[in-house]
Amino acid sequence: MGAVIALAVVALKKFDPFAARPDRVISYREVDGHPLRLHLFEAKGRGDPAGRPLLLLFHGGAWQYGGPQQFFAQCRFFARHGLSCVSAEYRIGSRHGTDARAAVQDARAAFAYLADNASALGIDPRRILAGGGSSGGHLAAALGTALSLPTEPGFADTGRRPAALVLYNPMLDLGPCTPDHHLVKDFWQQVSPLRHIDSRVPPTLILLGDRDPEVPVTTGETFCDAVAAQGGVCELEVYQGARHGFFNQRRHDPNYFELTNQRVLRFVRERGLLGAAD
């Protein structure tokens, strides 16, 4: 009996999402002496000759704070279910003195790096998804919409977009009178995803809490309606009693973490981006 208990303890430690560590850390660009890295969790299980699907995630923090560790637990979960996952660093105001525009440029560079190096990384360039939480959800949405922010000099705009979007309480509407307008008020028209929806927006899943003061449910509804009007697919999942950041892993309340992870897997599988057996 003692041996069985010991093995169970080892198994729990092995699968503890709080102990999540990436398999690889890759520098995808350097700006003004600041290296920016991708934290890669490689998909487990049987390989695919065409490469694995991959979910690129961006952390939240109002483009000012936070770090890629926010999504390490989710990345480890998805990797165990056959979906490679990257949690990306990008420039933030508190560390680099930048704003949302620089963050969008970094998101573009991260996505381009993964697409350009897909073969070496063992991923399928046709199945690179983008997602994120709050301002990180904004960055993922920026990759999937026709944002008018100019492309950086020397950076080729190939027109590529993610295969799908997974948006956790994302900042989608940055117009006047919205909660986060003051952070981008001088250039909000350029970076507000809701203003740049076109027929090429990839299939989108939005996860929202009905008690979120930063991203009201109506914002998700408006975004999905606009995508549908362009002939696209947008699914909105609303979680009762949940507030902003509800999807994060918490030791005292893992329910939303587990529910959102399972919902994302279902969305990815239903879109044909991940096999049912993975």
C-alpha atoms as a PDB file:
ATOM      1  CA  MET A   1       0.000   0.000   0.000  1.00  0.00           C
ATOM      2  CA  GLY A   2       2.844   2.368   0.867  1.00  0.00           C
ATOM      3  CA  ALA A   3       4.391   1.867  -2.571  1.00  0.00           C
ATOM      4  CA  VAL A   4       1.084   2.659  -4.264  1.00  0.00           C
ATOM      5  CA  ILE A   5       0.712   5.892  -2.280  1.00  0.00           C
ATOM      6  CA  ALA A   6       4.279   6.862  -3.108  1.00  0.00           C
ATOM      7  CA  LEU A   7       3.664   6.310  -6.812  1.00  0.00           C
ATOM      8  CA  ALA A   8       0.479   8.384  -6.628  1.00  0.00           C
ATOM      9  CA  VAL A   9       2.398  11.252  -5.037  1.00  0.00           C
ATOM     10  CA  VAL A  10       5.034  11.091  -7.764  1.00  0.00           C
ATOM     11  CA  ALA A  11       2.295  11.143 -10.423  1.00  0.00           C
ATOM     12  CA  LEU A  12       0.660  14.181  -8.850  1.00  0.00           C
ATOM     13  CA  LYS A  13       3.974  16.031  -8.827  1.00  0.00           C
ATOM     14  CA  LYS A  14       4.619  15.055 -12.417  1.00  0.00           C
ATOM     15  CA  PHE A  15       1.302  16.501 -13.586  1.00  0.00           C
ATOM     16  CA  ASP A  16       1.239  19.533 -11.274  1.00  0.00           C
ATOM     17  CA  PRO A  17       0.540  22.505 -13.598  1.00  0.00           C
ATOM     18  CA  PHE A  18       2.112  24.885 -11.082  1.00  0.00           C
ATOM     19  CA  ALA A  19       5.449  23.191 -11.776  1.00  0.00           C
ATOM     20  CA  ALA A  20       5.171  23.756 -15.535  1.00  0.00           C
ATOM     21  CA  ARG A  21       8.438  24.519 -17.319  1.00  0.00           C
ATOM     22  CA  PRO A  22       8.954  24.927 -21.079  1.00  0.00           C
ATOM     23  CA  ASP A  23      10.827  22.340 -23.100  1.00  0.00           C
ATOM     24  CA  ARG A  24      12.659  25.023 -25.048  1.00  0.00           C
ATOM     25  CA  VAL A  25      13.245  28.762 -24.799  1.00  0.00           C
ATOM     26  CA  ILE A  26      13.866  30.457 -28.139  1.00  0.00           C
ATOM     27  CA  SER A  27      14.875  34.036 -28.880  1.00  0.00           C
ATOM     28  CA  TYR A  28      12.692  35.266 -31.742  1.00  0.00           C
ATOM     29  CA  ARG A  29      13.892  38.856 -31.963  1.00  0.00           C
ATOM     30  CA  GLU A  30      15.980  41.526 -30.249  1.00  0.00           C
ATOM     31  CA  VAL A  31      14.835  45.150 -30.066  1.00  0.00           C
ATOM     32  CA  ASP A  32      17.080  47.921 -28.713  1.00  0.00           C
ATOM     33  CA  GLY A  33      19.193  45.346 -26.921  1.00  0.00           C
ATOM     34  CA  HIS A  34      16.188  43.569 -25.415  1.00  0.00           C
ATOM     35  CA  PRO A  35      15.948  39.883 -26.394  1.00  0.00           C
ATOM     36  CA  LEU A  36      12.392  38.552 -26.633  1.00  0.00           C
ATOM     37  CA  ARG A  37      11.744  34.849 -26.141  1.00  0.00           C
ATOM     38  CA  LEU A  38       9.237  32.143 -26.959  1.00  0.00           C
ATOM     39  CA  HIS A  39       8.644  29.544 -24.254  1.00  0.00           C
ATOM     40  CA  LEU A  40       7.820  26.347 -26.118  1.00  0.00           C
ATOM     41  CA  PHE A  41       5.966  23.368 -24.654  1.00  0.00           C
ATOM     42  CA  GLU A  42       6.261  20.539 -27.159  1.00  0.00           C
ATOM     43  CA  ALA A  43       3.262  18.300 -27.832  1.00  0.00           C
ATOM     44  CA  LYS A  44       3.485  14.867 -26.286  1.00  0.00           C
ATOM     45  CA  GLY A  45       2.505  11.597 -27.915  1.00  0.00           C
ATOM     46  CA  ARG A  46       2.558  10.379 -31.474  1.00  0.00           C
ATOM     47  CA  GLY A  47       4.143  12.742 -33.951  1.00  0.00           C
ATOM     48  CA  ASP A  48       2.656  14.007 -37.211  1.00  0.00           C
ATOM     49  CA  PRO A  49       4.694  13.984 -40.457  1.00  0.00           C
ATOM     50  CA  ALA A  50       3.195  17.363 -41.360  1.00  0.00           C
ATOM     51  CA  GLY A  51       4.104  18.815 -37.963  1.00  0.00           C
ATOM     52  CA  ARG A  52       2.084  19.484 -34.858  1.00  0.00           C
ATOM     53  CA  PRO A  53      -0.558  22.164 -34.449  1.00  0.00           C
ATOM     54  CA  LEU A  54       0.588  24.966 -32.161  1.00  0.00           C
ATOM     55  CA  LEU A  55      -1.130  27.557 -29.985  1.00  0.00           C
ATOM     56  CA  LEU A  56       0.745  30.850 -29.555  1.00  0.00           C
ATOM     57  CA  LEU A  57      -0.347  32.633 -26.350  1.00  0.00           C
ATOM     58  CA  PHE A  58       0.238  36.197 -25.141  1.00  0.00           C
ATOM     59  CA  HIS A  59      -0.020  37.165 -21.471  1.00  0.00           C
ATOM     60  CA  GLY A  60      -2.133  40.003 -20.123  1.00  0.00           C
ATOM     61  CA  GLY A  61      -1.215  43.090 -18.111  1.00  0.00           C
ATOM     62  CA  ALA A  62      -2.554  46.080 -20.080  1.00  0.00           C
ATOM     63  CA  TRP A  63       0.591  46.076 -22.287  1.00  0.00           C
ATOM     64  CA  GLN A  64       2.388  47.354 -19.165  1.00  0.00           C
ATOM     65  CA  TYR A  65       2.958  44.384 -16.870  1.00  0.00           C
ATOM     66  CA  GLY A  66       2.965  40.608 -16.686  1.00  0.00           C
ATOM     67  CA  GLY A  67       5.055  37.852 -18.176  1.00  0.00           C
ATOM     68  CA  PRO A  68       4.839  34.626 -20.157  1.00  0.00           C
ATOM     69  CA  GLN A  69       4.605  32.518 -16.981  1.00  0.00           C
ATOM     70  CA  GLN A  70       0.894  33.393 -16.894  1.00  0.00           C
ATOM     71  CA  PHE A  71       0.187  30.735 -19.520  1.00  0.00           C
ATOM     72  CA  PHE A  72       2.735  28.074 -18.561  1.00  0.00           C
ATOM     73  CA  ALA A  73       0.063  25.951 -16.876  1.00  0.00           C
ATOM     74  CA  GLN A  74      -2.240  26.102 -19.902  1.00  0.00           C
ATOM     75  CA  CYS A  75       0.641  25.341 -22.232  1.00  0.00           C
ATOM     76  CA  ARG A  76       1.596  22.272 -20.285  1.00  0.00           C
ATOM     77  CA  PHE A  77      -2.009  21.065 -20.340  1.00  0.00           C
ATOM     78  CA  PHE A  78      -2.367  21.549 -24.095  1.00  0.00           C
ATOM     79  CA  ALA A  79       1.002  19.930 -24.823  1.00  0.00           C
ATOM     80  CA  ARG A  80      -0.170  16.824 -22.967  1.00  0.00           C
ATOM     81  CA  HIS A  81      -3.143  16.691 -25.330  1.00  0.00           C
ATOM     82  CA  GLY A  82      -1.165  16.889 -28.562  1.00  0.00           C
ATOM     83  CA  LEU A  83      -1.206  20.667 -29.072  1.00  0.00           C
ATOM     84  CA  SER A  84       2.200  22.319 -28.926  1.00  0.00           C
ATOM     85  CA  CYS A  85       2.040  25.634 -27.117  1.00  0.00           C
ATOM     86  CA  VAL A  86       4.158  28.774 -26.891  1.00  0.00           C
ATOM     87  CA  SER A  87       3.896  31.512 -24.288  1.00  0.00           C
ATOM     88  CA  ALA A  88       5.542  34.607 -25.734  1.00  0.00           C
ATOM     89  CA  GLU A  89       7.439  37.522 -24.277  1.00  0.00           C
ATOM     90  CA  TYR A  90       6.797  40.926 -25.791  1.00  0.00           C
ATOM     91  CA  ARG A  91       7.724  44.493 -24.932  1.00  0.00           C
ATOM     92  CA  ILE A  92       5.750  45.995 -22.053  1.00  0.00           C
ATOM     93  CA  GLY A  93       5.607  49.512 -20.668  1.00  0.00           C
ATOM     94  CA  SER A  94       7.007  48.846 -17.203  1.00  0.00           C
ATOM     95  CA  ARG A  95      10.127  47.166 -18.578  1.00  0.00           C
ATOM     96  CA  HIS A  96      10.665  48.700 -22.004  1.00  0.00           C
ATOM     97  CA  GLY A  97       8.801  52.024 -21.914  1.00  0.00           C
ATOM     98  CA  THR A  98       6.563  50.977 -24.803  1.00  0.00           C
ATOM     99  CA  ASP A  99       2.836  50.926 -25.532  1.00  0.00           C
ATOM    100  CA  ALA A 100       0.348  48.679 -27.299  1.00  0.00           C
ATOM    101  CA  ARG A 101       1.782  49.462 -30.733  1.00  0.00           C
ATOM    102  CA  ALA A 102       5.140  47.898 -29.896  1.00  0.00           C
ATOM    103  CA  ALA A 103       3.369  44.893 -28.402  1.00  0.00           C
ATOM    104  CA  VAL A 104       1.444  44.373 -31.655  1.00  0.00           C
ATOM    105  CA  GLN A 105       4.673  44.526 -33.667  1.00  0.00           C
ATOM    106  CA  ASP A 106       6.228  41.916 -31.384  1.00  0.00           C
ATOM    107  CA  ALA A 107       3.169  39.692 -31.729  1.00  0.00           C
ATOM    108  CA  ARG A 108       3.499  39.915 -35.504  1.00  0.00           C
ATOM    109  CA  ALA A 109       7.179  39.023 -35.261  1.00  0.00           C
ATOM    110  CA  ALA A 110       6.504  36.052 -32.974  1.00  0.00           C
ATOM    111  CA  PHE A 111       3.861  34.670 -35.325  1.00  0.00           C
ATOM    112  CA  ALA A 112       6.115  35.179 -38.352  1.00  0.00           C
ATOM    113  CA  TYR A 113       9.037  33.472 -36.612  1.00  0.00           C
ATOM    114  CA  LEU A 114       6.960  30.384 -35.867  1.00  0.00           C
ATOM    115  CA  ALA A 115       5.594  30.227 -39.409  1.00  0.00           C
ATOM    116  CA  ASP A 116       9.029  30.722 -40.972  1.00  0.00           C
ATOM    117  CA  ASN A 117      10.694  28.138 -38.728  1.00  0.00           C
ATOM    118  CA  ALA A 118       7.838  25.651 -38.546  1.00  0.00           C
ATOM    119  CA  SER A 119       9.756  22.733 -40.048  1.00  0.00           C
ATOM    120  CA  ALA A 120      12.690  23.065 -37.653  1.00  0.00           C
ATOM    121  CA  LEU A 121      10.282  23.363 -34.710  1.00  0.00           C
ATOM    122  CA  GLY A 122       8.185  20.359 -35.748  1.00  0.00           C
ATOM    123  CA  ILE A 123       4.989  22.354 -36.211  1.00  0.00           C
ATOM    124  CA  ASP A 124       2.521  22.645 -39.066  1.00  0.00           C
ATOM    125  CA  PRO A 125       2.587  26.224 -40.428  1.00  0.00           C
ATOM    126  CA  ARG A 126      -1.041  25.813 -41.547  1.00  0.00           C
ATOM    127  CA  ARG A 127      -2.139  25.031 -37.980  1.00  0.00           C
ATOM    128  CA  ILE A 128      -0.671  27.868 -35.927  1.00  0.00           C
ATOM    129  CA  LEU A 129      -3.360  29.317 -33.657  1.00  0.00           C
ATOM    130  CA  ALA A 130      -3.070  32.526 -31.646  1.00  0.00           C
ATOM    131  CA  GLY A 131      -4.582  33.371 -28.288  1.00  0.00           C
ATOM    132  CA  GLY A 132      -4.098  35.308 -25.107  1.00  0.00           C
ATOM    133  CA  GLY A 133      -5.673  36.909 -22.085  1.00  0.00           C
ATOM    134  CA  SER A 134      -6.894  40.501 -21.752  1.00  0.00           C
ATOM    135  CA  SER A 135      -4.286  42.679 -23.528  1.00  0.00           C
ATOM    136  CA  GLY A 136      -2.709  39.430 -24.725  1.00  0.00           C
ATOM    137  CA  GLY A 137      -6.089  38.516 -26.199  1.00  0.00           C
ATOM    138  CA  HIS A 138      -5.966  41.868 -27.952  1.00  0.00           C
ATOM    139  CA  LEU A 139      -2.607  40.934 -29.502  1.00  0.00           C
ATOM    140  CA  ALA A 140      -3.976  37.622 -30.770  1.00  0.00           C
ATOM    141  CA  ALA A 141      -7.028  39.415 -32.193  1.00  0.00           C
ATOM    142  CA  ALA A 142      -4.662  41.893 -33.835  1.00  0.00           C
ATOM    143  CA  LEU A 143      -3.076  38.997 -35.727  1.00  0.00           C
ATOM    144  CA  GLY A 144      -6.472  37.809 -36.927  1.00  0.00           C
ATOM    145  CA  THR A 145      -7.942  41.138 -38.023  1.00  0.00           C
ATOM    146  CA  ALA A 146      -6.942  43.767 -40.584  1.00  0.00           C
ATOM    147  CA  LEU A 147      -5.341  46.128 -38.074  1.00  0.00           C
ATOM    148  CA  SER A 148      -4.238  49.403 -39.681  1.00  0.00           C
ATOM    149  CA  LEU A 149      -1.063  49.731 -37.607  1.00  0.00           C
ATOM    150  CA  PRO A 150       1.817  50.209 -40.072  1.00  0.00           C
ATOM    151  CA  THR A 151       4.254  47.356 -40.543  1.00  0.00           C
ATOM    152  CA  GLU A 152       7.719  47.927 -39.103  1.00  0.00           C
ATOM    153  CA  PRO A 153      10.516  48.853 -41.537  1.00  0.00           C
ATOM    154  CA  GLY A 154      12.291  45.755 -42.758  1.00  0.00           C
ATOM    155  CA  PHE A 155       9.423  43.493 -41.710  1.00  0.00           C
ATOM    156  CA  ALA A 156       7.640  41.855 -44.634  1.00  0.00           C
ATOM    157  CA  ASP A 157       3.864  41.630 -44.302  1.00  0.00           C
ATOM    158  CA  THR A 158       3.008  38.272 -45.870  1.00  0.00           C
ATOM    159  CA  GLY A 159      -0.703  38.543 -45.146  1.00  0.00           C
ATOM    160  CA  ARG A 160      -0.616  35.325 -43.112  1.00  0.00           C
ATOM    161  CA  ARG A 161      -3.089  34.945 -40.280  1.00  0.00           C
ATOM    162  CA  PRO A 162      -3.534  32.357 -37.538  1.00  0.00           C
ATOM    163  CA  ALA A 163      -5.608  29.265 -38.257  1.00  0.00           C
ATOM    164  CA  ALA A 164      -7.890  30.173 -35.327  1.00  0.00           C
ATOM    165  CA  LEU A 165      -8.120  32.557 -32.367  1.00  0.00           C
ATOM    166  CA  VAL A 166      -8.559  31.625 -28.691  1.00  0.00           C
ATOM    167  CA  LEU A 167      -9.346  34.810 -26.762  1.00  0.00           C
ATOM    168  CA  TYR A 168      -9.612  34.910 -22.970  1.00  0.00           C
ATOM    169  CA  ASN A 169     -11.462  38.069 -21.822  1.00  0.00           C
ATOM    170  CA  PRO A 170      -9.781  39.991 -24.665  1.00  0.00           C
ATOM    171  CA  MET A 171      -9.611  43.749 -25.136  1.00  0.00           C
ATOM    172  CA  LEU A 172     -11.470  43.940 -28.449  1.00  0.00           C
ATOM    173  CA  ASP A 173     -13.086  47.376 -28.351  1.00  0.00           C
ATOM    174  CA  LEU A 174     -10.722  50.225 -27.455  1.00  0.00           C
ATOM    175  CA  GLY A 175     -12.980  53.075 -28.508  1.00  0.00           C
ATOM    176  CA  PRO A 176     -13.950  56.096 -26.385  1.00  0.00           C
ATOM    177  CA  CYS A 177     -15.839  55.335 -23.164  1.00  0.00           C
ATOM    178  CA  THR A 178     -14.506  51.766 -22.996  1.00  0.00           C
ATOM    179  CA  PRO A 179     -12.582  50.716 -19.847  1.00  0.00           C
ATOM    180  CA  ASP A 180      -9.139  50.639 -21.511  1.00  0.00           C
ATOM    181  CA  HIS A 181      -9.439  53.533 -23.950  1.00  0.00           C
ATOM    182  CA  HIS A 182      -7.177  55.762 -21.848  1.00  0.00           C
ATOM    183  CA  LEU A 183      -4.263  53.383 -22.459  1.00  0.00           C
ATOM    184  CA  VAL A 184      -4.406  53.879 -26.220  1.00  0.00           C
ATOM    185  CA  LYS A 185      -6.393  57.107 -26.624  1.00  0.00           C
ATOM    186  CA  ASP A 186      -3.912  58.754 -29.018  1.00  0.00           C
ATOM    187  CA  PHE A 187      -3.967  55.895 -31.539  1.00  0.00           C
ATOM    188  CA  TRP A 188      -6.929  53.714 -30.620  1.00  0.00           C
ATOM    189  CA  GLN A 189      -8.364  53.635 -34.157  1.00  0.00           C
ATOM    190  CA  GLN A 190      -5.248  51.822 -35.366  1.00  0.00           C
ATOM    191  CA  VAL A 191      -5.235  49.103 -32.709  1.00  0.00           C
ATOM    192  CA  SER A 192      -8.892  48.380 -31.867  1.00  0.00           C
ATOM    193  CA  PRO A 193      -9.694  44.945 -33.374  1.00  0.00           C
ATOM    194  CA  LEU A 194     -13.437  45.622 -33.474  1.00  0.00           C
ATOM    195  CA  ARG A 195     -12.837  48.362 -36.061  1.00  0.00           C
ATOM    196  CA  HIS A 196     -10.855  46.063 -38.380  1.00  0.00           C
ATOM    197  CA  ILE A 197     -12.956  42.962 -38.848  1.00  0.00           C
ATOM    198  CA  ASP A 198     -12.990  41.596 -42.385  1.00  0.00           C
ATOM    199  CA  SER A 199     -13.879  38.378 -44.185  1.00  0.00           C
ATOM    200  CA  ARG A 200     -10.508  36.814 -43.342  1.00  0.00           C
ATOM    201  CA  VAL A 201     -10.887  36.730 -39.557  1.00  0.00           C
ATOM    202  CA  PRO A 202     -10.148  33.092 -38.622  1.00  0.00           C
ATOM    203  CA  PRO A 203     -12.539  30.954 -36.545  1.00  0.00           C
ATOM    204  CA  THR A 204     -12.644  32.546 -33.109  1.00  0.00           C
ATOM    205  CA  LEU A 205     -13.467  31.404 -29.590  1.00  0.00           C
ATOM    206  CA  ILE A 206     -14.055  34.080 -26.944  1.00  0.00           C
ATOM    207  CA  LEU A 207     -14.128  33.089 -23.257  1.00  0.00           C
ATOM    208  CA  LEU A 208     -15.707  35.659 -20.926  1.00  0.00           C
ATOM    209  CA  GLY A 209     -16.989  35.942 -17.382  1.00  0.00           C
ATOM    210  CA  ASP A 210     -20.356  37.591 -16.871  1.00  0.00           C
ATOM    211  CA  ARG A 211     -18.961  39.683 -14.004  1.00  0.00           C
ATOM    212  CA  ASP A 212     -15.966  41.089 -15.898  1.00  0.00           C
ATOM    213  CA  PRO A 213     -15.749  44.898 -15.427  1.00  0.00           C
ATOM    214  CA  GLU A 214     -13.029  45.248 -18.065  1.00  0.00           C
ATOM    215  CA  VAL A 215     -14.599  43.305 -20.944  1.00  0.00           C
ATOM    216  CA  PRO A 216     -18.409  43.226 -20.787  1.00  0.00           C
ATOM    217  CA  VAL A 217     -20.229  40.306 -22.371  1.00  0.00           C
ATOM    218  CA  THR A 218     -21.750  42.771 -24.835  1.00  0.00           C
ATOM    219  CA  THR A 219     -18.274  43.394 -26.242  1.00  0.00           C
ATOM    220  CA  GLY A 220     -17.870  39.712 -27.054  1.00  0.00           C
ATOM    221  CA  GLU A 221     -21.348  39.608 -28.555  1.00  0.00           C
ATOM    222  CA  THR A 222     -20.665  42.645 -30.730  1.00  0.00           C
ATOM    223  CA  PHE A 223     -17.382  41.203 -31.971  1.00  0.00           C
ATOM    224  CA  CYS A 224     -18.936  37.828 -32.810  1.00  0.00           C
ATOM    225  CA  ASP A 225     -21.859  39.497 -34.583  1.00  0.00           C
ATOM    226  CA  ALA A 226     -19.438  41.524 -36.698  1.00  0.00           C
ATOM    227  CA  VAL A 227     -17.405  38.431 -37.605  1.00  0.00           C
ATOM    228  CA  ALA A 228     -20.597  36.544 -38.523  1.00  0.00           C
ATOM    229  CA  ALA A 229     -21.725  39.468 -40.699  1.00  0.00           C
ATOM    230  CA  GLN A 230     -18.523  38.995 -42.700  1.00  0.00           C
ATOM    231  CA  GLY A 231     -19.237  35.284 -43.127  1.00  0.00           C
ATOM    232  CA  GLY A 232     -16.880  34.119 -40.381  1.00  0.00           C
ATOM    233  CA  VAL A 233     -17.216  31.883 -37.341  1.00  0.00           C
ATOM    234  CA  CYS A 234     -17.121  33.250 -33.798  1.00  0.00           C
ATOM    235  CA  GLU A 235     -18.151  31.368 -30.668  1.00  0.00           C
ATOM    236  CA  LEU A 236     -18.742  33.075 -27.322  1.00  0.00           C
ATOM    237  CA  GLU A 237     -18.590  31.083 -24.089  1.00  0.00           C
ATOM    238  CA  VAL A 238     -19.788  32.942 -20.990  1.00  0.00           C
ATOM    239  CA  TYR A 239     -18.943  31.690 -17.481  1.00  0.00           C
ATOM    240  CA  GLN A 240     -21.366  32.553 -14.714  1.00  0.00           C
ATOM    241  CA  GLY A 241     -19.949  34.433 -11.753  1.00  0.00           C
ATOM    242  CA  ALA A 242     -16.512  34.809 -13.352  1.00  0.00           C
ATOM    243  CA  ARG A 243     -14.512  38.020 -13.284  1.00  0.00           C
ATOM    244  CA  HIS A 244     -11.527  39.281 -15.272  1.00  0.00           C
ATOM    245  CA  GLY A 245      -8.662  36.772 -15.365  1.00  0.00           C
ATOM    246  CA  PHE A 246     -10.929  33.930 -14.246  1.00  0.00           C
ATOM    247  CA  PHE A 247      -9.152  31.404 -16.478  1.00  0.00           C
ATOM    248  CA  ASN A 248      -5.832  31.606 -14.610  1.00  0.00           C
ATOM    249  CA  GLN A 249      -4.712  28.613 -12.549  1.00  0.00           C
ATOM    250  CA  ARG A 250      -5.417  29.036  -8.827  1.00  0.00           C
ATOM    251  CA  ARG A 251      -4.741  26.422  -6.179  1.00  0.00           C
ATOM    252  CA  HIS A 252      -7.888  27.255  -4.213  1.00  0.00           C
ATOM    253  CA  ASP A 253     -10.198  27.296  -7.249  1.00  0.00           C
ATOM    254  CA  PRO A 254      -9.131  25.230 -10.280  1.00  0.00           C
ATOM    255  CA  ASN A 255     -12.613  24.969 -11.787  1.00  0.00           C
ATOM    256  CA  TYR A 256     -12.459  27.753 -14.364  1.00  0.00           C
ATOM    257  CA  PHE A 257      -8.932  26.741 -15.369  1.00  0.00           C
ATOM    258  CA  GLU A 258     -10.079  23.200 -16.109  1.00  0.00           C
ATOM    259  CA  LEU A 259     -13.346  24.243 -17.750  1.00  0.00           C
ATOM    260  CA  THR A 260     -11.692  26.710 -20.100  1.00  0.00           C
ATOM    261  CA  ASN A 261      -8.935  24.254 -21.030  1.00  0.00           C
ATOM    262  CA  GLN A 262     -11.501  21.636 -22.006  1.00  0.00           C
ATOM    263  CA  ARG A 263     -13.547  24.206 -23.949  1.00  0.00           C
ATOM    264  CA  VAL A 264     -10.479  25.272 -25.928  1.00  0.00           C
ATOM    265  CA  LEU A 265      -9.634  21.647 -26.766  1.00  0.00           C
ATOM    266  CA  ARG A 266     -13.185  21.066 -27.985  1.00  0.00           C
ATOM    267  CA  PHE A 267     -13.067  24.180 -30.165  1.00  0.00           C
ATOM    268  CA  VAL A 268      -9.717  23.205 -31.687  1.00  0.00           C
ATOM    269  CA  ARG A 269     -10.897  19.669 -32.419  1.00  0.00           C
ATOM    270  CA  GLU A 270     -14.205  20.828 -33.885  1.00  0.00           C
ATOM    271  CA  ARG A 271     -12.308  23.097 -36.253  1.00  0.00           C
ATOM    272  CA  GLY A 272     -10.291  20.092 -37.468  1.00  0.00           C
ATOM    273  CA  LEU A 273      -7.020  21.470 -36.101  1.00  0.00           C
ATOM    274  CA  LEU A 274      -6.368  18.660 -33.629  1.00  0.00           C
ATOM    275  CA  GLY A 275      -7.196  14.978 -34.000  1.00  0.00           C
ATOM    276  CA  ALA A 276      -9.801  13.495 -31.682  1.00  0.00           C
ATOM    277  CA  ALA A 277      -7.301  10.860 -30.542  1.00  0.00           C
ATOM    278  CA  ASP A 278      -4.699  13.424 -29.416  1.00  0.00           C
END
